[in-house]
C-alpha atoms as a PDB file:
ATOM      1  CA  UNK A   1     122.494 113.244  71.380  1.00  0.00           C
ATOM      2  CA  UNK A   2     118.567 113.698  71.864  1.00  0.00           C
ATOM      3  CA  UNK A   3     116.916 111.085  70.297  1.00  0.00           C
ATOM      4  CA  UNK A   4     113.415 110.063  69.406  1.00  0.00           C
ATOM      5  CA  UNK A   5     113.676 106.969  72.577  1.00  0.00           C
ATOM      6  CA  UNK A   6     115.138 109.150  75.475  1.00  0.00           C
ATOM      7  CA  UNK A   7     112.624 111.766  74.395  1.00  0.00           C
ATOM      8  CA  UNK A   8     109.621 109.160  74.367  1.00  0.00           C
ATOM      9  CA  UNK A   9     111.037 107.182  78.613  1.00  0.00           C
ATOM     10  CA  UNK A  10     111.500 110.442  79.180  1.00  0.00           C
ATOM     11  CA  UNK A  11     107.645 111.404  78.807  1.00  0.00           C
ATOM     12  CA  UNK A  12     106.501 107.717  79.792  1.00  0.00           C
ATOM     13  CA  UNK A  13     108.477 107.610  82.755  1.00  0.00           C
ATOM     14  CA  UNK A  14     107.783 111.472  84.042  1.00  0.00           C
ATOM     15  CA  UNK A  15     104.170 109.758  83.228  1.00  0.00           C
ATOM     16  CA  UNK A  16     104.028 106.537  84.937  1.00  0.00           C
ATOM     17  CA  UNK A  17     105.936 108.480  87.629  1.00  0.00           C
ATOM     18  CA  UNK A  18     103.493 111.170  88.287  1.00  0.00           C
ATOM     19  CA  UNK A  19     100.608 107.806  87.981  1.00  0.00           C
ATOM     20  CA  UNK A  20     101.758 106.600  90.571  1.00  0.00           C
ATOM     21  CA  UNK A  21     102.285 108.807  93.191  1.00  0.00           C
ATOM     22  CA  UNK A  22      98.858 109.720  93.244  1.00  0.00           C
ATOM     23  CA  UNK A  23      97.940 106.256  93.452  1.00  0.00           C
ATOM     24  CA  UNK A  24     100.514 105.900  96.708  1.00  0.00           C
ATOM     25  CA  UNK A  25      99.504 109.786  97.983  1.00  0.00           C
ATOM     26  CA  UNK A  26      95.470 108.227  97.432  1.00  0.00           C
ATOM     27  CA  UNK A  27      96.810 106.131 100.941  1.00  0.00           C
ATOM     28  CA  UNK A  28      98.435 108.935 102.640  1.00  0.00           C
ATOM     29  CA  UNK A  29      95.790 110.296 105.481  1.00  0.00           C
ATOM     30  CA  UNK A  30      93.623 113.244 104.805  1.00  0.00           C
ATOM     31  CA  UNK A  31      95.859 115.741 107.772  1.00  0.00           C
ATOM     32  CA  UNK A  32      99.545 115.104 105.923  1.00  0.00           C
ATOM     33  CA  UNK A  33     100.129 117.749 104.546  1.00  0.00           C
ATOM     34  CA  UNK A  34     101.780 116.296 100.638  1.00  0.00           C
ATOM     35  CA  UNK A  35     103.894 119.573  98.432  1.00  0.00           C
ATOM     36  CA  UNK A  36     104.571 119.109  96.049  1.00  0.00           C
ATOM     37  CA  UNK A  37     105.571 114.722  95.963  1.00  0.00           C
ATOM     38  CA  UNK A  38     103.285 114.181  92.795  1.00  0.00           C
ATOM     39  CA  UNK A  39     105.606 117.012  89.966  1.00  0.00           C
ATOM     40  CA  UNK A  40     108.778 115.756  92.275  1.00  0.00           C
ATOM     41  CA  UNK A  41     108.386 112.363  91.348  1.00  0.00           C
ATOM     42  CA  UNK A  42     107.101 113.239  87.915  1.00  0.00           C
ATOM     43  CA  UNK A  43     110.960 115.159  87.363  1.00  0.00           C
ATOM     44  CA  UNK A  44     112.792 113.020  88.436  1.00  0.00           C
ATOM     45  CA  UNK A  45     110.581 109.868  85.793  1.00  0.00           C
ATOM     46  CA  UNK A  46     111.874 112.534  83.643  1.00  0.00           C
ATOM     47  CA  UNK A  47     115.594 112.140  84.528  1.00  0.00           C
ATOM     48  CA  UNK A  48     115.757 108.264  85.112  1.00  0.00           C
ATOM     49  CA  UNK A  49     113.681 107.867  81.576  1.00  0.00           C
ATOM     50  CA  UNK A  50     116.149 109.488  79.874  1.00  0.00           C
ATOM     51  CA  UNK A  51     118.904 109.205  80.860  1.00  0.00           C
ATOM     52  CA  UNK A  52     119.004 105.387  81.936  1.00  0.00           C
ATOM     53  CA  UNK A  53     115.839 103.994  80.631  1.00  0.00           C
ATOM     54  CA  UNK A  54     116.509 105.919  76.927  1.00  0.00           C
ATOM     55  CA  UNK A  55     119.352 104.847  76.677  1.00  0.00           C
ATOM     56  CA  UNK A  56     119.207 101.470  77.049  1.00  0.00           C
ATOM     57  CA  UNK A  57     117.451 100.825  73.470  1.00  0.00           C
ATOM     58  CA  UNK A  58     118.908  99.097  71.046  1.00  0.00           C
ATOM     59  CA  UNK A  59     119.651  95.945  72.566  1.00  0.00           C
ATOM     60  CA  UNK A  60     116.862  93.658  72.643  1.00  0.00           C
ATOM     61  CA  UNK A  61     113.351  93.429  73.805  1.00  0.00           C
ATOM     62  CA  UNK A  62     114.256  91.237  76.235  1.00  0.00           C
ATOM     63  CA  UNK A  63     116.885  93.770  77.809  1.00  0.00           C
ATOM     64  CA  UNK A  64     114.879  96.670  77.661  1.00  0.00           C
ATOM     65  CA  UNK A  65     112.302  95.498  79.211  1.00  0.00           C
ATOM     66  CA  UNK A  66     114.102  94.758  82.240  1.00  0.00           C
ATOM     67  CA  UNK A  67     115.840  98.973  81.449  1.00  0.00           C
ATOM     68  CA  UNK A  68     112.651  99.594  82.215  1.00  0.00           C
ATOM     69  CA  UNK A  69     111.129  98.295  84.917  1.00  0.00           C
ATOM     70  CA  UNK A  70     114.574  98.571  86.645  1.00  0.00           C
ATOM     71  CA  UNK A  71     114.309 102.389  85.879  1.00  0.00           C
ATOM     72  CA  UNK A  72     110.762 102.372  86.793  1.00  0.00           C
ATOM     73  CA  UNK A  73     112.131 100.403  90.590  1.00  0.00           C
ATOM     74  CA  UNK A  74     115.046 103.179  90.918  1.00  0.00           C
ATOM     75  CA  UNK A  75     112.383 106.106  90.313  1.00  0.00           C
ATOM     76  CA  UNK A  76     110.295 104.751  93.170  1.00  0.00           C
ATOM     77  CA  UNK A  77     113.681 104.404  95.442  1.00  0.00           C
ATOM     78  CA  UNK A  78     115.381 108.412  94.394  1.00  0.00           C
ATOM     79  CA  UNK A  79     111.942 109.589  94.975  1.00  0.00           C
ATOM     80  CA  UNK A  80     110.793 108.424  98.260  1.00  0.00           C
ATOM     81  CA  UNK A  81     114.198 109.026  99.243  1.00  0.00           C
ATOM     82  CA  UNK A  82     113.773 112.972  98.183  1.00  0.00           C
ATOM     83  CA  UNK A  83     110.973 113.100  99.729  1.00  0.00           C
ATOM     84  CA  UNK A  84     111.624 111.872 103.094  1.00  0.00           C
ATOM     85  CA  UNK A  85     114.968 114.297 102.804  1.00  0.00           C
ATOM     86  CA  UNK A  86     112.511 116.961 102.121  1.00  0.00           C
ATOM     87  CA  UNK A  87     111.010 116.621 104.971  1.00  0.00           C
ATOM     88  CA  UNK A  88     113.523 116.527 107.026  1.00  0.00           C
ATOM     89  CA  UNK A  89     115.265 119.213 106.074  1.00  0.00           C
ATOM     90  CA  UNK A  90     112.157 120.700 106.907  1.00  0.00           C
ATOM     91  CA  UNK A  91     112.082 119.823 110.297  1.00  0.00           C
ATOM     92  CA  UNK A  92     115.616 120.143 110.566  1.00  0.00           C
ATOM     93  CA  UNK A  93     114.890 123.893 109.677  1.00  0.00           C
ATOM     94  CA  UNK A  94     112.411 123.834 112.858  1.00  0.00           C
ATOM     95  CA  UNK A  95     115.488 122.397 115.171  1.00  0.00           C
ATOM     96  CA  UNK A  96     114.133 119.230 115.795  1.00  0.00           C
ATOM     97  CA  UNK A  97     117.886 118.054 116.403  1.00  0.00           C
ATOM     98  CA  UNK A  98     120.349 117.985 118.448  1.00  0.00           C
ATOM     99  CA  UNK A  99     123.333 117.004 116.101  1.00  0.00           C
ATOM    100  CA  UNK A 100     123.234 116.180 112.298  1.00  0.00           C
ATOM    101  CA  UNK A 101     123.627 112.257 113.801  1.00  0.00           C
ATOM    102  CA  UNK A 102     119.821 112.570 114.568  1.00  0.00           C
ATOM    103  CA  UNK A 103     118.446 114.417 111.869  1.00  0.00           C
ATOM    104  CA  UNK A 104     119.981 111.272 109.397  1.00  0.00           C
ATOM    105  CA  UNK A 105     118.775 108.965 111.641  1.00  0.00           C
ATOM    106  CA  UNK A 106     115.893 110.062 111.218  1.00  0.00           C
ATOM    107  CA  UNK A 107     116.007 110.012 107.321  1.00  0.00           C
ATOM    108  CA  UNK A 108     116.151 106.702 107.129  1.00  0.00           C
ATOM    109  CA  UNK A 109     113.114 106.490 109.626  1.00  0.00           C
ATOM    110  CA  UNK A 110     111.479 108.558 107.871  1.00  0.00           C
ATOM    111  CA  UNK A 111     112.157 107.044 104.232  1.00  0.00           C
ATOM    112  CA  UNK A 112     111.295 103.377 105.942  1.00  0.00           C
ATOM    113  CA  UNK A 113     107.314 104.587 106.755  1.00  0.00           C
ATOM    114  CA  UNK A 114     106.773 106.592 103.637  1.00  0.00           C
ATOM    115  CA  UNK A 115     107.468 103.162 101.631  1.00  0.00           C
ATOM    116  CA  UNK A 116     106.187 100.406 104.293  1.00  0.00           C
ATOM    117  CA  UNK A 117     103.147 102.791 104.031  1.00  0.00           C
ATOM    118  CA  UNK A 118     101.953 104.785 101.338  1.00  0.00           C
ATOM    119  CA  UNK A 119     104.776 102.875  98.685  1.00  0.00           C
ATOM    120  CA  UNK A 120     104.244  99.247 100.107  1.00  0.00           C
ATOM    121  CA  UNK A 121     100.194  99.296  98.570  1.00  0.00           C
ATOM    122  CA  UNK A 122      99.862  96.015  95.290  1.00  0.00           C
ATOM    123  CA  UNK A 123      98.354  98.746  93.422  1.00  0.00           C
ATOM    124  CA  UNK A 124     101.680 100.770  93.461  1.00  0.00           C
ATOM    125  CA  UNK A 125     103.638  97.932  93.169  1.00  0.00           C
ATOM    126  CA  UNK A 126     101.841  96.154  90.799  1.00  0.00           C
ATOM    127  CA  UNK A 127     101.372 100.114  89.048  1.00  0.00           C
ATOM    128  CA  UNK A 128     105.526 100.806  88.647  1.00  0.00           C
ATOM    129  CA  UNK A 129     106.119  97.441  88.056  1.00  0.00           C
ATOM    130  CA  UNK A 130     103.907  96.913  84.799  1.00  0.00           C
ATOM    131  CA  UNK A 131     104.463 101.062  84.311  1.00  0.00           C
ATOM    132  CA  UNK A 132     108.286  99.793  83.804  1.00  0.00           C
ATOM    133  CA  UNK A 133     107.757  96.636  81.898  1.00  0.00           C
ATOM    134  CA  UNK A 134     105.470  98.830  78.986  1.00  0.00           C
ATOM    135  CA  UNK A 135     108.135 101.693  79.315  1.00  0.00           C
ATOM    136  CA  UNK A 136     110.938 100.048  78.123  1.00  0.00           C
ATOM    137  CA  UNK A 137     108.901  97.567  75.323  1.00  0.00           C
ATOM    138  CA  UNK A 138     107.719 100.846  73.910  1.00  0.00           C
ATOM    139  CA  UNK A 139     110.774 102.764  74.504  1.00  0.00           C
ATOM    140  CA  UNK A 140     112.691  99.836  72.496  1.00  0.00           C
ATOM    141  CA  UNK A 141     109.653  99.462  69.353  1.00  0.00           C
ATOM    142  CA  UNK A 142     110.264 103.525  69.209  1.00  0.00           C
ATOM    143  CA  UNK A 143     114.460 102.630  69.469  1.00  0.00           C
ATOM    144  CA  UNK A 144     113.464 100.363  66.174  1.00  0.00           C
ATOM    145  CA  UNK A 145     111.232 102.651  64.433  1.00  0.00           C
ATOM    146  CA  UNK A 146     113.230 105.906  64.098  1.00  0.00           C
ATOM    147  CA  UNK A 147     116.977 104.670  65.068  1.00  0.00           C
END
C-alpha cells in the first residue's frame, strides 16, 4: 500500500543512488564507456527505497537509521552486481567466453574490479553511508508526521 514514508524513501534512495553513481564515475577513465550507470542506480534506489527502507519506518529512530544505512549498502552492492552482469552479457554477445562458467567467473571478476576501483573510494563510501543515515532519519520523521 502506498504511504508517504515509502514515497520519501524511494525518492531519497533514488537520488542517493544517482549521486553516488556520479561520484564513482569520476574515477572511471575517460576511454571507458559508462552507458546508463547513473539511471540504473537511480532505478535500483527507487526499488530499495520503496520495498525495504519504506517498510522499516515506525520502529524508532535508531532502527530506521540502521535500515537506511543497510538499504544504501544493498543499493551499492546490487548496482555493482547488475552493472557488471550487463558488462558480462555484452562480452558474452561478442563471443568472448568458451563456456558459461567462464562468463560467471568473469562476472565475479568484473564485480570485484568495479567495486575496488570505483566504489571503494573514501568520498563514495562516506556519501553512501551518510546518505543512508539521513534517508533513514527523514523516513522515520516522515512516518511520524504522516502516519
